[in-house]
PDB file of N, CA and C in Angstrom:
ATOM      1  N   MET A   1       0.887  -1.064   0.024  1.00  0.00           N
ATOM      2  CA  MET A   1      -0.330  -0.218  -0.107  1.00  0.00           C
ATOM      3  C   MET A   1       0.763   1.148  -0.057  1.00  0.00           C
ATOM      4  N   LEU A   2       2.120   0.826   0.120  1.00  0.00           N
ATOM      5  CA  LEU A   2       3.032   2.203   0.443  1.00  0.00           C
ATOM      6  C   LEU A   2       3.319   2.577  -0.983  1.00  0.00           C
ATOM      7  N   ASP A   3       2.729   2.367  -1.904  1.00  0.00           N
ATOM      8  CA  ASP A   3       3.377   2.780  -3.602  1.00  0.00           C
ATOM      9  C   ASP A   3       1.409   2.841  -3.718  1.00  0.00           C
ATOM     10  N   GLY A   4       0.541   3.293  -3.141  1.00  0.00           N
ATOM     11  CA  GLY A   4      -0.570   4.058  -3.318  1.00  0.00           C
ATOM     12  C   GLY A   4      -1.655   2.781  -4.128  1.00  0.00           C
ATOM     13  N   ILE A   5      -1.283   1.727  -3.894  1.00  0.00           N
ATOM     14  CA  ILE A   5      -2.297   0.772  -4.669  1.00  0.00           C
ATOM     15  C   ILE A   5      -2.574  -0.632  -3.254  1.00  0.00           C
ATOM     16  N   CYS A   6      -3.630  -0.440  -3.495  1.00  0.00           N
ATOM     17  CA  CYS A   6      -4.444  -1.726  -2.585  1.00  0.00           C
ATOM     18  C   CYS A   6      -4.116  -2.727  -3.021  1.00  0.00           C
ATOM     19  N   PRO A   7      -2.992  -3.773  -2.300  1.00  0.00           N
ATOM     20  CA  PRO A   7      -2.934  -4.976  -2.782  1.00  0.00           C
ATOM     21  C   PRO A   7      -4.344  -6.402  -2.547  1.00  0.00           C
ATOM     22  N   LYS A   8      -5.425  -5.862  -2.215  1.00  0.00           N
ATOM     23  CA  LYS A   8      -6.490  -6.451  -2.320  1.00  0.00           C
ATOM     24  C   LYS A   8      -7.200  -6.456  -3.092  1.00  0.00           C
ATOM     25  N   CYS A   9      -7.353  -5.151  -3.627  1.00  0.00           N
ATOM     26  CA  CYS A   9      -8.421  -4.816  -4.630  1.00  0.00           C
ATOM     27  C   CYS A   9      -7.949  -3.766  -5.765  1.00  0.00           C
ATOM     28  N   THR A  10      -6.708  -3.880  -5.921  1.00  0.00           N
ATOM     29  CA  THR A  10      -5.960  -3.097  -7.165  1.00  0.00           C
ATOM     30  C   THR A  10      -6.326  -1.502  -7.046  1.00  0.00           C
ATOM     31  N   SER A  11      -7.278  -1.207  -5.964  1.00  0.00           N
ATOM     32  CA  SER A  11      -7.582   0.231  -6.375  1.00  0.00           C
ATOM     33  C   SER A  11      -6.493   1.459  -5.986  1.00  0.00           C
ATOM     34  N   HIS A  12      -6.645   2.586  -6.360  1.00  0.00           N
ATOM     35  CA  HIS A  12      -5.903   3.702  -6.058  1.00  0.00           C
ATOM     36  C   HIS A  12      -6.726   4.786  -4.771  1.00  0.00           C
ATOM     37  N   SER A  13      -7.398   4.108  -4.131  1.00  0.00           N
ATOM     38  CA  SER A  13      -7.709   5.021  -3.250  1.00  0.00           C
ATOM     39  C   SER A  13      -6.863   4.711  -1.751  1.00  0.00           C
ATOM     40  N   VAL A  14      -6.299   4.748  -1.660  1.00  0.00           N
ATOM     41  CA  VAL A  14      -5.458   4.361  -0.799  1.00  0.00           C
ATOM     42  C   VAL A  14      -5.132   6.039   0.401  1.00  0.00           C
ATOM     43  N   TYR A  15      -5.195   6.161   1.599  1.00  0.00           N
ATOM     44  CA  TYR A  15      -5.123   7.134   2.612  1.00  0.00           C
ATOM     45  C   TYR A  15      -4.163   6.446   3.772  1.00  0.00           C
ATOM     46  N   PHE A  16      -3.707   7.740   3.956  1.00  0.00           N
ATOM     47  CA  PHE A  16      -2.649   7.496   5.184  1.00  0.00           C
ATOM     48  C   PHE A  16      -3.417   8.794   6.166  1.00  0.00           C
ATOM     49  N   GLY A  17      -3.140   7.377   7.469  1.00  0.00           N
ATOM     50  CA  GLY A  17      -3.122   8.630   8.502  1.00  0.00           C
ATOM     51  C   GLY A  17      -2.604   8.131   9.845  1.00  0.00           C
ATOM     52  N   GLU A  18      -1.992   9.140  11.082  1.00  0.00           N
ATOM     53  CA  GLU A  18      -1.053   8.522  11.805  1.00  0.00           C
ATOM     54  C   GLU A  18      -1.945   8.607  13.243  1.00  0.00           C
ATOM     55  N   ARG A  19      -3.154   9.168  13.310  1.00  0.00           N
ATOM     56  CA  ARG A  19      -4.221   8.989  14.337  1.00  0.00           C
ATOM     57  C   ARG A  19      -5.268   8.709  14.358  1.00  0.00           C
ATOM     58  N   VAL A  20      -5.915   7.373  14.746  1.00  0.00           N
ATOM     59  CA  VAL A  20      -6.834   6.646  14.019  1.00  0.00           C
ATOM     60  C   VAL A  20      -8.023   6.408  14.839  1.00  0.00           C
ATOM     61  N   ALA A  21      -7.261   6.411  16.138  1.00  0.00           N
ATOM     62  CA  ALA A  21      -8.445   6.480  17.453  1.00  0.00           C
ATOM     63  C   ALA A  21      -7.439   7.516  18.293  1.00  0.00           C
ATOM     64  N   ASN A  22      -8.579   7.589  19.830  1.00  0.00           N
ATOM     65  CA  ASN A  22      -8.430   8.508  20.678  1.00  0.00           C
ATOM     66  C   ASN A  22      -8.467   7.922  21.629  1.00  0.00           C
ATOM     67  N   PRO A  23      -8.278   8.126  23.038  1.00  0.00           N
ATOM     68  CA  PRO A  23      -8.459   7.582  24.533  1.00  0.00           C
ATOM     69  C   PRO A  23      -9.849   7.751  24.569  1.00  0.00           C
ATOM     70  N   PRO A  24     -10.591   6.719  25.144  1.00  0.00           N
ATOM     71  CA  PRO A  24     -10.495   5.706  25.665  1.00  0.00           C
ATOM     72  C   PRO A  24     -10.418   4.785  24.783  1.00  0.00           C
ATOM     73  N   TYR A  25     -10.628   4.774  23.305  1.00  0.00           N
ATOM     74  CA  TYR A  25     -10.669   3.395  22.598  1.00  0.00           C
ATOM     75  C   TYR A  25      -9.132   2.959  21.969  1.00  0.00           C
ATOM     76  N   GLY A  26      -8.118   3.702  22.744  1.00  0.00           N
ATOM     77  CA  GLY A  26      -6.887   3.106  21.726  1.00  0.00           C
ATOM     78  C   GLY A  26      -6.077   4.457  21.615  1.00  0.00           C
ATOM     79  N   ASP A  27      -4.650   4.169  21.457  1.00  0.00           N
ATOM     80  CA  ASP A  27      -3.958   5.643  21.197  1.00  0.00           C
ATOM     81  C   ASP A  27      -2.918   5.222  20.165  1.00  0.00           C
ATOM     82  N   ASN A  28      -3.113   4.333  19.267  1.00  0.00           N
ATOM     83  CA  ASN A  28      -2.383   4.153  17.686  1.00  0.00           C
ATOM     84  C   ASN A  28      -1.124   3.721  18.553  1.00  0.00           C
ATOM     85  N   THR A  29      -1.012   2.923  19.084  1.00  0.00           N
ATOM     86  CA  THR A  29       0.403   2.410  19.564  1.00  0.00           C
ATOM     87  C   THR A  29       0.265   1.027  20.004  1.00  0.00           C
ATOM     88  N   ILE A  30       1.388   0.185  19.617  1.00  0.00           N
ATOM     89  CA  ILE A  30       1.411  -1.169  20.018  1.00  0.00           C
ATOM     90  C   ILE A  30       2.479  -1.479  21.773  1.00  0.00           C
ATOM     91  N   LEU A  31       2.333  -2.257  22.276  1.00  0.00           N
ATOM     92  CA  LEU A  31       3.281  -2.338  23.563  1.00  0.00           C
ATOM     93  C   LEU A  31       4.792  -3.067  22.859  1.00  0.00           C
ATOM     94  N   ILE A  32       5.922  -2.875  23.469  1.00  0.00           N
ATOM     95  CA  ILE A  32       7.223  -3.481  23.226  1.00  0.00           C
ATOM     96  C   ILE A  32       7.624  -3.410  24.612  1.00  0.00           C
ATOM     97  N   SER A  33       7.189  -4.920  24.974  1.00  0.00           N
ATOM     98  CA  SER A  33       7.561  -5.459  26.223  1.00  0.00           C
ATOM     99  C   SER A  33       8.963  -5.967  26.074  1.00  0.00           C
ATOM    100  N   SER A  34       9.762  -5.432  27.269  1.00  0.00           N
ATOM    101  CA  SER A  34      11.305  -5.573  27.192  1.00  0.00           C
ATOM    102  C   SER A  34      11.874  -6.081  28.655  1.00  0.00           C
ATOM    103  N   GLY A  35      10.765  -7.014  28.907  1.00  0.00           N
ATOM    104  CA  GLY A  35      10.944  -7.693  30.091  1.00  0.00           C
ATOM    105  C   GLY A  35      10.062  -7.565  30.817  1.00  0.00           C
ATOM    106  N   LEU A  36       9.926  -8.129  32.186  1.00  0.00           N
ATOM    107  CA  LEU A  36       9.258  -8.216  33.200  1.00  0.00           C
ATOM    108  C   LEU A  36       8.263  -6.762  33.633  1.00  0.00           C
ATOM    109  N   PHE A  37       9.038  -6.202  33.590  1.00  0.00           N
ATOM    110  CA  PHE A  37       8.686  -4.339  34.172  1.00  0.00           C
ATOM    111  C   PHE A  37       8.799  -3.556  33.070  1.00  0.00           C
ATOM    112  N   ALA A  38       9.821  -3.380  32.345  1.00  0.00           N
ATOM    113  CA  ALA A  38       9.956  -2.814  31.453  1.00  0.00           C
ATOM    114  C   ALA A  38       9.223  -2.495  30.571  1.00  0.00           C
ATOM    115  N   SER A  39       8.672  -1.556  29.864  1.00  0.00           N
ATOM    116  CA  SER A  39       8.082  -1.463  28.448  1.00  0.00           C
ATOM    117  C   SER A  39       8.182  -0.277  27.808  1.00  0.00           C
ATOM    118  N   SER A  40       7.864   0.130  26.475  1.00  0.00           N
ATOM    119  CA  SER A  40       7.786   0.931  25.713  1.00  0.00           C
ATOM    120  C   SER A  40       6.708   0.825  24.816  1.00  0.00           C
ATOM    121  N   ARG A  41       6.041   2.012  24.312  1.00  0.00           N
ATOM    122  CA  ARG A  41       5.086   2.014  23.170  1.00  0.00           C
ATOM    123  C   ARG A  41       5.430   2.288  21.775  1.00  0.00           C
ATOM    124  N   ALA A  42       5.294   1.506  20.584  1.00  0.00           N
ATOM    125  CA  ALA A  42       5.539   2.125  19.527  1.00  0.00           C
ATOM    126  C   ALA A  42       4.569   2.767  18.661  1.00  0.00           C
ATOM    127  N   PRO A  43       4.757   3.898  18.102  1.00  0.00           N
ATOM    128  CA  PRO A  43       3.463   4.322  17.490  1.00  0.00           C
ATOM    129  C   PRO A  43       3.105   3.548  15.792  1.00  0.00           C
ATOM    130  N   LEU A  44       2.210   3.691  15.708  1.00  0.00           N
ATOM    131  CA  LEU A  44       1.672   3.377  14.229  1.00  0.00           C
ATOM    132  C   LEU A  44       1.016   4.087  13.413  1.00  0.00           C
ATOM    133  N   SER A  45       1.386   4.189  11.974  1.00  0.00           N
ATOM    134  CA  SER A  45       0.943   5.003  10.805  1.00  0.00           C
ATOM    135  C   SER A  45       0.097   4.176  10.095  1.00  0.00           C
ATOM    136  N   TYR A  46      -1.049   4.516   9.657  1.00  0.00           N
ATOM    137  CA  TYR A  46      -2.058   3.712   8.770  1.00  0.00           C
ATOM    138  C   TYR A  46      -2.061   4.046   7.529  1.00  0.00           C
ATOM    139  N   TYR A  47      -2.777   2.710   6.612  1.00  0.00           N
ATOM    140  CA  TYR A  47      -2.907   2.956   5.188  1.00  0.00           C
ATOM    141  C   TYR A  47      -4.048   2.145   4.864  1.00  0.00           C
ATOM    142  N   VAL A  48      -4.965   2.906   4.615  1.00  0.00           N
ATOM    143  CA  VAL A  48      -6.284   2.428   4.236  1.00  0.00           C
ATOM    144  C   VAL A  48      -7.109   2.601   2.929  1.00  0.00           C
ATOM    145  N   CYS A  49      -7.554   1.323   2.914  1.00  0.00           N
ATOM    146  CA  CYS A  49      -8.024   1.689   0.935  1.00  0.00           C
ATOM    147  C   CYS A  49      -9.794   1.799   1.515  1.00  0.00           C
ATOM    148  N   ILE A  50     -10.095   3.115   1.035  1.00  0.00           N
ATOM    149  CA  ILE A  50     -11.287   3.202   1.094  1.00  0.00           C
ATOM    150  C   ILE A  50     -12.334   2.792   0.182  1.00  0.00           C
ATOM    151  N   ASN A  51     -11.791   1.725  -0.647  1.00  0.00           N
ATOM    152  CA  ASN A  51     -12.735   1.026  -1.548  1.00  0.00           C
ATOM    153  C   ASN A  51     -12.934  -0.175  -1.075  1.00  0.00           C
ATOM    154  N   CYS A  52     -12.329  -1.339  -0.802  1.00  0.00           N
ATOM    155  CA  CYS A  52     -12.460  -2.173   0.266  1.00  0.00           C
ATOM    156  C   CYS A  52     -12.375  -2.235   1.271  1.00  0.00           C
ATOM    157  N   GLY A  53     -11.796  -1.426   2.098  1.00  0.00           N
ATOM    158  CA  GLY A  53     -11.453  -1.157   3.633  1.00  0.00           C
ATOM    159  C   GLY A  53     -10.227  -1.866   4.190  1.00  0.00           C
ATOM    160  N   TYR A  54      -9.597  -2.729   3.446  1.00  0.00           N
ATOM    161  CA  TYR A  54      -8.056  -3.142   3.591  1.00  0.00           C
ATOM    162  C   TYR A  54      -7.097  -1.812   4.473  1.00  0.00           C
ATOM    163  N   VAL A  55      -6.532  -2.627   5.324  1.00  0.00           N
ATOM    164  CA  VAL A  55      -5.796  -1.397   6.306  1.00  0.00           C
ATOM    165  C   VAL A  55      -4.366  -2.124   6.821  1.00  0.00           C
ATOM    166  N   GLU A  56      -3.239  -1.501   6.101  1.00  0.00           N
ATOM    167  CA  GLU A  56      -2.020  -2.011   6.755  1.00  0.00           C
ATOM    168  C   GLU A  56      -1.443  -1.128   7.839  1.00  0.00           C
ATOM    169  N   SER A  57      -0.738  -1.487   8.735  1.00  0.00           N
ATOM    170  CA  SER A  57      -0.116  -0.738   9.661  1.00  0.00           C
ATOM    171  C   SER A  57       1.099  -0.505   9.646  1.00  0.00           C
ATOM    172  N   TYR A  58       2.057   0.555  10.364  1.00  0.00           N
ATOM    173  CA  TYR A  58       3.624   0.456   9.876  1.00  0.00           C
ATOM    174  C   TYR A  58       3.978   0.974  11.146  1.00  0.00           C
ATOM    175  N   ILE A  59       5.395   0.775  11.642  1.00  0.00           N
ATOM    176  CA  ILE A  59       5.828   1.864  12.906  1.00  0.00           C
ATOM    177  C   ILE A  59       7.037   2.013  11.881  1.00  0.00           C
ATOM    178  N   TYR A  60       7.281   3.501  11.815  1.00  0.00           N
ATOM    179  CA  TYR A  60       8.487   4.092  11.293  1.00  0.00           C
ATOM    180  C   TYR A  60       9.513   4.753  12.257  1.00  0.00           C
ATOM    181  N   ASP A  61       9.087   4.673  13.398  1.00  0.00           N
ATOM    182  CA  ASP A  61      10.081   4.973  14.681  1.00  0.00           C
ATOM    183  C   ASP A  61      11.341   4.202  14.688  1.00  0.00           C
ATOM    184  N   ALA A  62      12.742   4.841  14.180  1.00  0.00           N
ATOM    185  CA  ALA A  62      13.910   3.567  14.197  1.00  0.00           C
ATOM    186  C   ALA A  62      13.987   3.273  15.441  1.00  0.00           C
ATOM    187  N   LYS A  63      13.854   4.049  16.677  1.00  0.00           N
ATOM    188  CA  LYS A  63      14.010   3.322  17.924  1.00  0.00           C
ATOM    189  C   LYS A  63      13.303   2.300  18.611  1.00  0.00           C
ATOM    190  N   SER A  64      11.921   2.461  18.009  1.00  0.00           N
ATOM    191  CA  SER A  64      11.186   1.480  18.157  1.00  0.00           C
ATOM    192  C   SER A  64      11.163   0.090  17.604  1.00  0.00           C
ATOM    193  N   LEU A  65      11.947   0.036  16.490  1.00  0.00           N
ATOM    194  CA  LEU A  65      11.889  -0.903  15.475  1.00  0.00           C
ATOM    195  C   LEU A  65      13.116  -1.668  16.167  1.00  0.00           C
ATOM    196  N   ASN A  66      14.217  -0.766  16.610  1.00  0.00           N
ATOM    197  CA  ASN A  66      15.131  -1.718  17.683  1.00  0.00           C
ATOM    198  C   ASN A  66      14.625  -2.115  18.716  1.00  0.00           C
ATOM    199  N   ASP A  67      13.766  -1.544  19.684  1.00  0.00           N
ATOM    200  CA  ASP A  67      13.676  -2.247  20.605  1.00  0.00           C
ATOM    201  C   ASP A  67      12.809  -3.499  20.061  1.00  0.00           C
ATOM    202  N   ILE A  68      12.082  -3.509  19.107  1.00  0.00           N
ATOM    203  CA  ILE A  68      11.541  -4.831  18.888  1.00  0.00           C
ATOM    204  C   ILE A  68      12.690  -5.765  18.367  1.00  0.00           C
ATOM    205  N   HIS A  69      13.420  -5.300  17.519  1.00  0.00           N
ATOM    206  CA  HIS A  69      14.378  -6.187  17.388  1.00  0.00           C
ATOM    207  C   HIS A  69      15.389  -6.887  18.443  1.00  0.00           C
ATOM    208  N   LYS A  70      15.368  -6.197  19.440  1.00  0.00           N
ATOM    209  CA  LYS A  70      16.018  -6.797  20.573  1.00  0.00           C
ATOM    210  C   LYS A  70      15.281  -7.508  21.400  1.00  0.00           C
ATOM    211  N   THR A  71      13.980  -7.293  21.529  1.00  0.00           N
ATOM    212  CA  THR A  71      12.909  -8.236  22.421  1.00  0.00           C
ATOM    213  C   THR A  71      11.859  -9.087  22.088  1.00  0.00           C
ATOM    214  N   TRP A  72      11.516  -8.941  21.194  1.00  0.00           N
ATOM    215  CA  TRP A  72      10.844  -9.890  20.170  1.00  0.00           C
ATOM    216  C   TRP A  72      11.528 -11.079  19.634  1.00  0.00           C
ATOM    217  N   GLN A  73      10.495 -12.195  19.063  1.00  0.00           N
ATOM    218  CA  GLN A  73      11.201 -13.671  18.597  1.00  0.00           C
ATOM    219  C   GLN A  73      11.046 -13.228  17.132  1.00  0.00           C
ATOM    220  N   TYR A  74      12.300 -13.308  16.714  1.00  0.00           N
ATOM    221  CA  TYR A  74      12.092 -13.329  15.025  1.00  0.00           C
ATOM    222  C   TYR A  74      11.838 -15.052  14.374  1.00  0.00           C
ATOM    223  N   ILE A  75      11.306 -14.679  13.182  1.00  0.00           N
ATOM    224  CA  ILE A  75      10.732 -15.770  12.778  1.00  0.00           C
ATOM    225  C   ILE A  75      11.541 -15.892  11.302  1.00  0.00           C
ATOM    226  N   PRO A  76      12.330 -17.116  11.580  1.00  0.00           N
ATOM    227  CA  PRO A  76      13.120 -17.485  10.462  1.00  0.00           C
ATOM    228  C   PRO A  76      12.399 -17.789   9.051  1.00  0.00           C
ATOM    229  N   VAL A  77      12.777 -17.830   7.996  1.00  0.00           N
ATOM    230  CA  VAL A  77      12.334 -17.862   7.100  1.00  0.00           C
ATOM    231  C   VAL A  77      12.402 -19.409   6.526  1.00  0.00           C
ATOM    232  N   LYS A  78      10.969 -19.753   6.213  1.00  0.00           N
ATOM    233  CA  LYS A  78      11.004 -21.508   6.144  1.00  0.00           C
ATOM    234  C   LYS A  78      11.163 -21.584   5.001  1.00  0.00           C
ATOM    235  N   ARG A  79      12.095 -22.735   4.636  1.00  0.00           N
ATOM    236  CA  ARG A  79      12.535 -23.286   3.031  1.00  0.00           C
ATOM    237  C   ARG A  79      11.648 -24.266   3.111  1.00  0.00           C
ATOM    238  N   ASP A  80      11.275 -24.592   1.680  1.00  0.00           N
ATOM    239  CA  ASP A  80      10.819 -26.013   1.163  1.00  0.00           C
ATOM    240  C   ASP A  80      11.787 -26.924   1.160  1.00  0.00           C
ATOM    241  N   GLU A  81      11.942 -28.327   1.776  1.00  0.00           N
ATOM    242  CA  GLU A  81      12.926 -29.208   1.676  1.00  0.00           C
ATOM    243  C   GLU A  81      12.439 -30.014   0.482  1.00  0.00           C
TER     244      GLU A  81
END
């Protein structure tokens, strides 16, 4: 969707937003847990196709991406054998 084309319906009706919900319903972030007590939040940006309703979310903050790299489980590529 970053190219302005919806991957689901191929529409060019893609819009961008950073603030989708306001408290108390949500704060447009995800929790990055880095241990039992310490955590931080990563801000999300959204791309929405107004033709079919498909939504993608992205994290652009470099610190948040680095925190995820250090604390979340890596998923290796599965190769066909």
